[in-house]
């Protein structure tokens, strides 16, 4: 998978994280390939960049994937793969591979930080299939490896290629080596500190400190199985959230329940915005010393941790450069706070919509309109998801007192309705507006029931075929010396 050995803080993928050869046996977009084949330059080899490379290659385009790093890898941390993503992964042929290395959480549970008392509960497991696909917990390195295996057979991968210049009119990329790479279209999937974003906006989009930072740590579940207090967290895989004043802890199983992932949110004390910065395990334990005894036991098993400063950015006014030849995707245009577990999901949805739209490209004059269609289809959904993530920050971190008591009472009401429903009683479990956003059936349907492929196909049938499809009858235009 990598051109050089994977070293800390990057983690080696699990041996079962293998999707080699899968791309040869799948057909997307009902077999439709773009009549006009572009050379598309994708900047960034993260989850979003790999997904974009895969979808656009499947749509019939030539892809060059440009990455600054010397080796391909992901950090040692867990990630939640929600039904709106899983349905796409199944279509991409990854269903069996994901099932081998992931964990299906049976529920989400909210607990009081100091006592461990359960104040919220929503059943997941098979009920997530109501949204058309399962909910998974997975290791980021394993997820990245599967997408890497899927995308790279159909792309040219350029490592050690730092982009220092973008000419949006050519369009072309200038690398630190001085080399210039020309293409027909540039997709910036280069993350929260995106260089391509600055080119699209003509300015830097300011980041506001949230006041939070996150520790990330993984421990082997073998040590938990030896402790009667911790064993139930493995035997019954749930996403468990402990909520405290200004802090919270999210924990869940990954890698077929062989590892336990923890994300600990706490007041920022001078960390940096980086997935790979190392933190102090001793400082982490001190920051969470007021949490219940089971948490103290869990943290005693942590020998190293990553620490990440959480910055917030407002939705952008545009994702497409005025040239109509450069567009943004994923964290480069809608970075998410981790409180709703939708950052990677939104990037992968972006990729699916972009691939579907560009599978219909038949004339150069359609490129810019299709990019603006992509922006219009995605901007509001991603902005709403950003807002939902910000809301959870406030909900989870309430100080002890009347507001916290009201939150807990509201979560308990939704939990009581859930348990009554599970006992077979005829009760209303919609829980609309609940402070447990996962209990809100309406929000779940919007978030998890979304199908990026269906959204793109519907837009084409209702709008695109008439407004953009007709442009294919125009006189051809030269693009980089070719049609």
Foldseek 3Di string as FASTA:
>chain_A
DKPDDDDPQFDAADPLLDDAPLLVPAAPPNNFAAQDEWEEEEEDLALLSLLLLLLQVSLPYAYEYEYQARIDTHGWFKAKQFQLRQVVCVNSVCNVSCVQWKDQAQWEWEAAFQARHTLFIDGFPPVSCVLVGTMIMATRRSSSSNSCSNRPVRYHYHYNWAFDDADQQLGWTATPVRDIGGIQAYEYAPAQQTPLLCVQVVHDFDWAFPQKKKKKFKFFCVVQCVDPVRNVCLVRFHFYWHFAAQKIKTWTATGNSGMIIIIIMHGDDDDEADQRAWDQLVVVCVRSVSGYPVVNVVSVRTPIIHMHGDIATAADPAQAHPSLRYGYAFNSGQAADPQQSCRSVLSSLLSNLLSNLSSHHQASVLRSVSRVVSCVLRRVVSNVRRVVSVLLSPLRNHHPDDVVVVLSNLSNVLRVQNVCVVVVDDDDQCSDPRSPQVSNVVSCCSPNSDHSNVSNVVCCVVPVCVPRVVCSPDDHDARPNHD
